[in-house]
Amino acid sequence: MFNIEQYLKRFSKGIESIKVNKENIVLIINKYTNLNINSSDIEIKDYKIIVNTSAVGKSQLFLNKNKILQEINSSIKTKVVDIK
């Protein structure tokens, strides 16, 4: 018989890893930019990180983009190629 609990565990593991990745990304971005970004302000889509922040925040991200990308790619499993 089909056990729905085991089926749903697959999805819960994926959701938990996304939350952990977002938390790590927030810590790294805050480390280099001194911005107060929450995990709800970050979206990971098509190997890109989209950050909802002000124009000043976007400028800080752009200035530190290479450092941030290097540290993110070394700390999480998902490969990230750009930050917007």
PDB file of N, CA and C in Angstrom:
ATOM      1  N   MET A   1       0.838  -1.182   0.000  1.00  0.00           N
ATOM      2  CA  MET A   1       0.000   0.000   0.000  1.00  0.00           C
ATOM      3  C   MET A   1       0.886   1.249   0.000  1.00  0.00           C
ATOM      4  N   PHE A   2       0.410   2.272  -0.618  1.00  0.00           N
ATOM      5  CA  PHE A   2       1.125   3.534  -0.747  1.00  0.00           C
ATOM      6  C   PHE A   2       1.141   4.267   0.592  1.00  0.00           C
ATOM      7  N   ASN A   3       2.340   4.639   1.044  1.00  0.00           N
ATOM      8  CA  ASN A   3       2.478   5.345   2.314  1.00  0.00           C
ATOM      9  C   ASN A   3       2.752   6.820   2.024  1.00  0.00           C
ATOM     10  N   ILE A   4       1.778   7.647   2.295  1.00  0.00           N
ATOM     11  CA  ILE A   4       1.887   9.073   1.969  1.00  0.00           C
ATOM     12  C   ILE A   4       2.913   9.780   2.842  1.00  0.00           C
ATOM     13  N   GLU A   5       3.140   9.277   4.040  1.00  0.00           N
ATOM     14  CA  GLU A   5       4.102   9.914   4.943  1.00  0.00           C
ATOM     15  C   GLU A   5       5.506   9.900   4.338  1.00  0.00           C
ATOM     16  N   GLN A   6       5.900   8.764   3.782  1.00  0.00           N
ATOM     17  CA  GLN A   6       7.221   8.666   3.163  1.00  0.00           C
ATOM     18  C   GLN A   6       7.310   9.556   1.928  1.00  0.00           C
ATOM     19  N   TYR A   7       6.224   9.655   1.194  1.00  0.00           N
ATOM     20  CA  TYR A   7       6.190  10.507   0.008  1.00  0.00           C
ATOM     21  C   TYR A   7       6.367  11.972   0.388  1.00  0.00           C
ATOM     22  N   LEU A   8       5.707  12.408   1.433  1.00  0.00           N
ATOM     23  CA  LEU A   8       5.784  13.801   1.862  1.00  0.00           C
ATOM     24  C   LEU A   8       7.126  14.134   2.506  1.00  0.00           C
ATOM     25  N   LYS A   9       7.813  13.141   3.073  1.00  0.00           N
ATOM     26  CA  LYS A   9       9.135  13.380   3.656  1.00  0.00           C
ATOM     27  C   LYS A   9      10.131  13.837   2.597  1.00  0.00           C
ATOM     28  N   ARG A  10       9.975  13.349   1.382  1.00  0.00           N
ATOM     29  CA  ARG A  10      10.864  13.768   0.294  1.00  0.00           C
ATOM     30  C   ARG A  10      10.764  15.277   0.074  1.00  0.00           C
ATOM     31  N   PHE A  11       9.555  15.779   0.080  1.00  0.00           N
ATOM     32  CA  PHE A  11       9.360  17.206  -0.136  1.00  0.00           C
ATOM     33  C   PHE A  11       9.805  18.025   1.063  1.00  0.00           C
ATOM     34  N   SER A  12       9.596  17.510   2.254  1.00  0.00           N
ATOM     35  CA  SER A  12       9.990  18.271   3.444  1.00  0.00           C
ATOM     36  C   SER A  12      11.509  18.404   3.528  1.00  0.00           C
ATOM     37  N   LYS A  13      12.246  17.386   3.100  1.00  0.00           N
ATOM     38  CA  LYS A  13      13.708  17.483   3.087  1.00  0.00           C
ATOM     39  C   LYS A  13      14.164  18.561   2.121  1.00  0.00           C
ATOM     40  N   GLY A  14      13.523  18.651   0.967  1.00  0.00           N
ATOM     41  CA  GLY A  14      13.872  19.676  -0.011  1.00  0.00           C
ATOM     42  C   GLY A  14      13.585  21.072   0.504  1.00  0.00           C
ATOM     43  N   ILE A  15      12.474  21.233   1.177  1.00  0.00           N
ATOM     44  CA  ILE A  15      12.104  22.539   1.728  1.00  0.00           C
ATOM     45  C   ILE A  15      13.058  22.939   2.839  1.00  0.00           C
ATOM     46  N   GLU A  16      13.438  21.998   3.681  1.00  0.00           N
ATOM     47  CA  GLU A  16      14.379  22.295   4.765  1.00  0.00           C
ATOM     48  C   GLU A  16      15.739  22.720   4.211  1.00  0.00           C
ATOM     49  N   SER A  17      16.203  22.068   3.156  1.00  0.00           N
ATOM     50  CA  SER A  17      17.505  22.434   2.592  1.00  0.00           C
ATOM     51  C   SER A  17      17.456  23.819   1.959  1.00  0.00           C
ATOM     52  N   ILE A  18      16.323  24.196   1.383  1.00  0.00           N
ATOM     53  CA  ILE A  18      16.178  25.543   0.823  1.00  0.00           C
ATOM     54  C   ILE A  18      16.246  26.574   1.933  1.00  0.00           C
ATOM     55  N   LYS A  19      15.602  26.294   3.071  1.00  0.00           N
ATOM     56  CA  LYS A  19      15.640  27.227   4.204  1.00  0.00           C
ATOM     57  C   LYS A  19      17.063  27.387   4.728  1.00  0.00           C
ATOM     58  N   VAL A  20      17.784  26.290   4.841  1.00  0.00           N
ATOM     59  CA  VAL A  20      19.168  26.339   5.324  1.00  0.00           C
ATOM     60  C   VAL A  20      20.037  27.118   4.340  1.00  0.00           C
ATOM     61  N   ASN A  21      19.855  26.871   3.040  1.00  0.00           N
ATOM     62  CA  ASN A  21      20.618  27.606   2.030  1.00  0.00           C
ATOM     63  C   ASN A  21      20.346  29.098   2.121  1.00  0.00           C
ATOM     64  N   LYS A  22      19.086  29.471   2.260  1.00  0.00           N
ATOM     65  CA  LYS A  22      18.741  30.890   2.356  1.00  0.00           C
ATOM     66  C   LYS A  22      19.364  31.525   3.591  1.00  0.00           C
ATOM     67  N   GLU A  23      19.344  30.811   4.709  1.00  0.00           N
ATOM     68  CA  GLU A  23      19.943  31.349   5.936  1.00  0.00           C
ATOM     69  C   GLU A  23      21.446  31.555   5.762  1.00  0.00           C
ATOM     70  N   ASN A  24      22.114  30.608   5.122  1.00  0.00           N
ATOM     71  CA  ASN A  24      23.555  30.756   4.865  1.00  0.00           C
ATOM     72  C   ASN A  24      23.830  31.926   3.928  1.00  0.00           C
ATOM     73  N   ILE A  25      23.014  32.078   2.911  1.00  0.00           N
ATOM     74  CA  ILE A  25      23.182  33.182   1.965  1.00  0.00           C
ATOM     75  C   ILE A  25      22.993  34.511   2.667  1.00  0.00           C
ATOM     76  N   VAL A  26      21.989  34.604   3.533  1.00  0.00           N
ATOM     77  CA  VAL A  26      21.747  35.843   4.289  1.00  0.00           C
ATOM     78  C   VAL A  26      22.959  36.189   5.142  1.00  0.00           C
ATOM     79  N   LEU A  27      23.523  35.212   5.827  1.00  0.00           N
ATOM     80  CA  LEU A  27      24.701  35.459   6.665  1.00  0.00           C
ATOM     81  C   LEU A  27      25.883  35.954   5.837  1.00  0.00           C
ATOM     82  N   ILE A  28      26.093  35.353   4.683  1.00  0.00           N
ATOM     83  CA  ILE A  28      27.217  35.751   3.831  1.00  0.00           C
ATOM     84  C   ILE A  28      27.007  37.158   3.284  1.00  0.00           C
ATOM     85  N   ILE A  29      25.807  37.453   2.814  1.00  0.00           N
ATOM     86  CA  ILE A  29      25.528  38.796   2.282  1.00  0.00           C
ATOM     87  C   ILE A  29      25.677  39.840   3.373  1.00  0.00           C
ATOM     88  N   ASN A  30      25.152  39.560   4.556  1.00  0.00           N
ATOM     89  CA  ASN A  30      25.267  40.516   5.661  1.00  0.00           C
ATOM     90  C   ASN A  30      26.723  40.720   6.078  1.00  0.00           C
ATOM     91  N   LYS A  31      27.524  39.681   5.946  1.00  0.00           N
ATOM     92  CA  LYS A  31      28.941  39.772   6.306  1.00  0.00           C
ATOM     93  C   LYS A  31      29.685  40.763   5.409  1.00  0.00           C
ATOM     94  N   TYR A  32      29.417  40.732   4.116  1.00  0.00           N
ATOM     95  CA  TYR A  32      30.149  41.573   3.171  1.00  0.00           C
ATOM     96  C   TYR A  32      29.519  42.940   2.931  1.00  0.00           C
ATOM     97  N   THR A  33      28.223  43.082   3.178  1.00  0.00           N
ATOM     98  CA  THR A  33      27.555  44.335   2.829  1.00  0.00           C
ATOM     99  C   THR A  33      27.011  45.098   4.023  1.00  0.00           C
ATOM    100  N   ASN A  34      26.942  44.489   5.180  1.00  0.00           N
ATOM    101  CA  ASN A  34      26.347  45.093   6.374  1.00  0.00           C
ATOM    102  C   ASN A  34      24.898  45.511   6.153  1.00  0.00           C
ATOM    103  N   LEU A  35      24.200  44.813   5.262  1.00  0.00           N
ATOM    104  CA  LEU A  35      22.774  45.044   5.055  1.00  0.00           C
ATOM    105  C   LEU A  35      21.995  44.116   5.975  1.00  0.00           C
ATOM    106  N   ASN A  36      20.836  44.534   6.376  1.00  0.00           N
ATOM    107  CA  ASN A  36      19.968  43.684   7.191  1.00  0.00           C
ATOM    108  C   ASN A  36      18.935  43.034   6.284  1.00  0.00           C
ATOM    109  N   ILE A  37      19.322  41.923   5.690  1.00  0.00           N
ATOM    110  CA  ILE A  37      18.447  41.201   4.769  1.00  0.00           C
ATOM    111  C   ILE A  37      17.889  39.985   5.491  1.00  0.00           C
ATOM    112  N   ASN A  38      16.615  39.710   5.284  1.00  0.00           N
ATOM    113  CA  ASN A  38      15.969  38.523   5.844  1.00  0.00           C
ATOM    114  C   ASN A  38      15.922  37.434   4.782  1.00  0.00           C
ATOM    115  N   SER A  39      15.704  36.207   5.212  1.00  0.00           N
ATOM    116  CA  SER A  39      15.615  35.112   4.249  1.00  0.00           C
ATOM    117  C   SER A  39      14.383  35.253   3.362  1.00  0.00           C
ATOM    118  N   SER A  40      13.376  35.993   3.820  1.00  0.00           N
ATOM    119  CA  SER A  40      12.191  36.214   2.988  1.00  0.00           C
ATOM    120  C   SER A  40      12.474  37.187   1.844  1.00  0.00           C
ATOM    121  N   ASP A  41      13.579  37.922   1.918  1.00  0.00           N
ATOM    122  CA  ASP A  41      13.963  38.867   0.866  1.00  0.00           C
ATOM    123  C   ASP A  41      14.775  38.204  -0.239  1.00  0.00           C
ATOM    124  N   ILE A  42      15.039  36.912  -0.105  1.00  0.00           N
ATOM    125  CA  ILE A  42      15.897  36.202  -1.061  1.00  0.00           C
ATOM    126  C   ILE A  42      15.089  35.145  -1.799  1.00  0.00           C
ATOM    127  N   GLU A  43      15.333  35.072  -3.100  1.00  0.00           N
ATOM    128  CA  GLU A  43      14.719  34.048  -3.929  1.00  0.00           C
ATOM    129  C   GLU A  43      15.820  33.411  -4.774  1.00  0.00           C
ATOM    130  N   ILE A  44      15.849  32.091  -4.825  1.00  0.00           N
ATOM    131  CA  ILE A  44      16.835  31.375  -5.633  1.00  0.00           C
ATOM    132  C   ILE A  44      16.099  30.801  -6.833  1.00  0.00           C
ATOM    133  N   LYS A  45      16.522  31.241  -8.026  1.00  0.00           N
ATOM    134  CA  LYS A  45      15.824  30.815  -9.232  1.00  0.00           C
ATOM    135  C   LYS A  45      16.817  30.714 -10.380  1.00  0.00           C
ATOM    136  N   ASP A  46      16.857  29.574 -11.045  1.00  0.00           N
ATOM    137  CA  ASP A  46      17.718  29.361 -12.219  1.00  0.00           C
ATOM    138  C   ASP A  46      19.178  29.716 -11.942  1.00  0.00           C
ATOM    139  N   TYR A  47      19.719  29.212 -10.863  1.00  0.00           N
ATOM    140  CA  TYR A  47      21.114  29.439 -10.468  1.00  0.00           C
ATOM    141  C   TYR A  47      21.422  30.908 -10.186  1.00  0.00           C
ATOM    142  N   LYS A  48      20.397  31.703  -9.916  1.00  0.00           N
ATOM    143  CA  LYS A  48      20.571  33.117  -9.593  1.00  0.00           C
ATOM    144  C   LYS A  48      19.922  33.406  -8.252  1.00  0.00           C
ATOM    145  N   ILE A  49      20.526  34.322  -7.524  1.00  0.00           N
ATOM    146  CA  ILE A  49      19.943  34.795  -6.272  1.00  0.00           C
ATOM    147  C   ILE A  49      19.341  36.159  -6.552  1.00  0.00           C
ATOM    148  N   ILE A  50      18.071  36.286  -6.272  1.00  0.00           N
ATOM    149  CA  ILE A  50      17.378  37.557  -6.460  1.00  0.00           C
ATOM    150  C   ILE A  50      17.103  38.117  -5.074  1.00  0.00           C
ATOM    151  N   VAL A  51      17.641  39.310  -4.809  1.00  0.00           N
ATOM    152  CA  VAL A  51      17.515  39.940  -3.498  1.00  0.00           C
ATOM    153  C   VAL A  51      16.606  41.154  -3.628  1.00  0.00           C
ATOM    154  N   ASN A  52      15.566  41.186  -2.811  1.00  0.00           N
ATOM    155  CA  ASN A  52      14.674  42.341  -2.771  1.00  0.00           C
ATOM    156  C   ASN A  52      15.210  43.326  -1.747  1.00  0.00           C
ATOM    157  N   THR A  53      15.828  44.389  -2.239  1.00  0.00           N
ATOM    158  CA  THR A  53      16.413  45.402  -1.368  1.00  0.00           C
ATOM    159  C   THR A  53      16.397  46.745  -2.091  1.00  0.00           C
ATOM    160  N   SER A  54      16.852  47.755  -1.424  1.00  0.00           N
ATOM    161  CA  SER A  54      16.872  49.106  -1.992  1.00  0.00           C
ATOM    162  C   SER A  54      17.973  49.240  -3.044  1.00  0.00           C
ATOM    163  N   ALA A  55      17.996  50.387  -3.706  1.00  0.00           N
ATOM    164  CA  ALA A  55      19.030  50.646  -4.714  1.00  0.00           C
ATOM    165  C   ALA A  55      20.414  50.686  -4.078  1.00  0.00           C
ATOM    166  N   VAL A  56      20.498  51.224  -2.878  1.00  0.00           N
ATOM    167  CA  VAL A  56      21.781  51.261  -2.164  1.00  0.00           C
ATOM    168  C   VAL A  56      22.242  49.837  -1.854  1.00  0.00           C
ATOM    169  N   GLY A  57      21.309  48.998  -1.437  1.00  0.00           N
ATOM    170  CA  GLY A  57      21.635  47.604  -1.162  1.00  0.00           C
ATOM    171  C   GLY A  57      22.094  46.866  -2.401  1.00  0.00           C
ATOM    172  N   LYS A  58      21.438  47.133  -3.523  1.00  0.00           N
ATOM    173  CA  LYS A  58      21.841  46.506  -4.792  1.00  0.00           C
ATOM    174  C   LYS A  58      23.255  46.944  -5.180  1.00  0.00           C
ATOM    175  N   SER A  59      23.577  48.210  -4.923  1.00  0.00           N
ATOM    176  CA  SER A  59      24.930  48.703  -5.217  1.00  0.00           C
ATOM    177  C   SER A  59      25.964  47.989  -4.359  1.00  0.00           C
ATOM    178  N   GLN A  60      25.660  47.802  -3.081  1.00  0.00           N
ATOM    179  CA  GLN A  60      26.567  47.082  -2.185  1.00  0.00           C
ATOM    180  C   GLN A  60      26.759  45.644  -2.658  1.00  0.00           C
ATOM    181  N   LEU A  61      25.673  45.015  -3.096  1.00  0.00           N
ATOM    182  CA  LEU A  61      25.774  43.651  -3.616  1.00  0.00           C
ATOM    183  C   LEU A  61      26.660  43.608  -4.859  1.00  0.00           C
ATOM    184  N   PHE A  62      26.481  44.565  -5.743  1.00  0.00           N
ATOM    185  CA  PHE A  62      27.272  44.599  -6.975  1.00  0.00           C
ATOM    186  C   PHE A  62      28.753  44.796  -6.686  1.00  0.00           C
ATOM    187  N   LEU A  63      29.071  45.667  -5.738  1.00  0.00           N
ATOM    188  CA  LEU A  63      30.474  45.935  -5.411  1.00  0.00           C
ATOM    189  C   LEU A  63      31.172  44.719  -4.805  1.00  0.00           C
ATOM    190  N   ASN A  64      30.436  43.910  -4.078  1.00  0.00           N
ATOM    191  CA  ASN A  64      31.016  42.742  -3.400  1.00  0.00           C
ATOM    192  C   ASN A  64      30.586  41.425  -4.041  1.00  0.00           C
ATOM    193  N   LYS A  65      30.111  41.483  -5.259  1.00  0.00           N
ATOM    194  CA  LYS A  65      29.523  40.329  -5.925  1.00  0.00           C
ATOM    195  C   LYS A  65      30.469  39.127  -6.001  1.00  0.00           C
ATOM    196  N   ASN A  66      31.696  39.332  -6.429  1.00  0.00           N
ATOM    197  CA  ASN A  66      32.630  38.212  -6.600  1.00  0.00           C
ATOM    198  C   ASN A  66      32.942  37.515  -5.283  1.00  0.00           C
ATOM    199  N   LYS A  67      33.184  38.283  -4.235  1.00  0.00           N
ATOM    200  CA  LYS A  67      33.474  37.689  -2.923  1.00  0.00           C
ATOM    201  C   LYS A  67      32.276  36.899  -2.414  1.00  0.00           C
ATOM    202  N   ILE A  68      31.097  37.487  -2.562  1.00  0.00           N
ATOM    203  CA  ILE A  68      29.872  36.837  -2.084  1.00  0.00           C
ATOM    204  C   ILE A  68      29.637  35.540  -2.847  1.00  0.00           C
ATOM    205  N   LEU A  69      29.755  35.585  -4.169  1.00  0.00           N
ATOM    206  CA  LEU A  69      29.532  34.382  -4.979  1.00  0.00           C
ATOM    207  C   LEU A  69      30.525  33.276  -4.644  1.00  0.00           C
ATOM    208  N   GLN A  70      31.789  33.627  -4.449  1.00  0.00           N
ATOM    209  CA  GLN A  70      32.793  32.617  -4.097  1.00  0.00           C
ATOM    210  C   GLN A  70      32.438  31.927  -2.791  1.00  0.00           C
ATOM    211  N   GLU A  71      32.082  32.709  -1.790  1.00  0.00           N
ATOM    212  CA  GLU A  71      31.782  32.107  -0.491  1.00  0.00           C
ATOM    213  C   GLU A  71      30.489  31.302  -0.526  1.00  0.00           C
ATOM    214  N   ILE A  72      29.494  31.789  -1.246  1.00  0.00           N
ATOM    215  CA  ILE A  72      28.232  31.048  -1.353  1.00  0.00           C
ATOM    216  C   ILE A  72      28.466  29.717  -2.047  1.00  0.00           C
ATOM    217  N   ASN A  73      29.197  29.717  -3.145  1.00  0.00           N
ATOM    218  CA  ASN A  73      29.435  28.477  -3.886  1.00  0.00           C
ATOM    219  C   ASN A  73      30.289  27.487  -3.106  1.00  0.00           C
ATOM    220  N   SER A  74      31.107  27.974  -2.197  1.00  0.00           N
ATOM    221  CA  SER A  74      31.904  27.050  -1.393  1.00  0.00           C
ATOM    222  C   SER A  74      31.135  26.531  -0.180  1.00  0.00           C
ATOM    223  N   SER A  75      30.038  27.189   0.183  1.00  0.00           N
ATOM    224  CA  SER A  75      29.342  26.784   1.407  1.00  0.00           C
ATOM    225  C   SER A  75      28.036  26.031   1.178  1.00  0.00           C
ATOM    226  N   ILE A  76      27.405  26.169   0.020  1.00  0.00           N
ATOM    227  CA  ILE A  76      26.151  25.449  -0.216  1.00  0.00           C
ATOM    228  C   ILE A  76      26.297  24.538  -1.424  1.00  0.00           C
ATOM    229  N   LYS A  77      25.402  23.563  -1.530  1.00  0.00           N
ATOM    230  CA  LYS A  77      25.472  22.578  -2.603  1.00  0.00           C
ATOM    231  C   LYS A  77      24.996  23.144  -3.935  1.00  0.00           C
ATOM    232  N   THR A  78      24.009  24.032  -3.883  1.00  0.00           N
ATOM    233  CA  THR A  78      23.452  24.604  -5.098  1.00  0.00           C
ATOM    234  C   THR A  78      24.433  25.592  -5.708  1.00  0.00           C
ATOM    235  N   LYS A  79      24.701  25.452  -6.995  1.00  0.00           N
ATOM    236  CA  LYS A  79      25.614  26.376  -7.663  1.00  0.00           C
ATOM    237  C   LYS A  79      24.873  27.667  -7.978  1.00  0.00           C
ATOM    238  N   VAL A  80      25.527  28.787  -7.703  1.00  0.00           N
ATOM    239  CA  VAL A  80      24.962  30.107  -7.960  1.00  0.00           C
ATOM    240  C   VAL A  80      25.901  30.828  -8.916  1.00  0.00           C
ATOM    241  N   VAL A  81      25.344  31.401  -9.982  1.00  0.00           N
ATOM    242  CA  VAL A  81      26.179  32.083 -10.969  1.00  0.00           C
ATOM    243  C   VAL A  81      26.007  33.594 -10.966  1.00  0.00           C
ATOM    244  N   ASP A  82      24.935  34.102 -10.350  1.00  0.00           N
ATOM    245  CA  ASP A  82      24.704  35.544 -10.379  1.00  0.00           C
ATOM    246  C   ASP A  82      23.862  35.978  -9.184  1.00  0.00           C
ATOM    247  N   ILE A  83      24.011  37.242  -8.836  1.00  0.00           N
ATOM    248  CA  ILE A  83      23.202  37.868  -7.790  1.00  0.00           C
ATOM    249  C   ILE A  83      22.564  39.098  -8.405  1.00  0.00           C
ATOM    250  N   LYS A  84      21.274  39.225  -8.240  1.00  0.00           N
ATOM    251  CA  LYS A  84      20.560  40.394  -8.763  1.00  0.00           C
ATOM    252  C   LYS A  84      19.746  41.026  -7.673  1.00  0.00           C
TER     253      LYS A  84
END
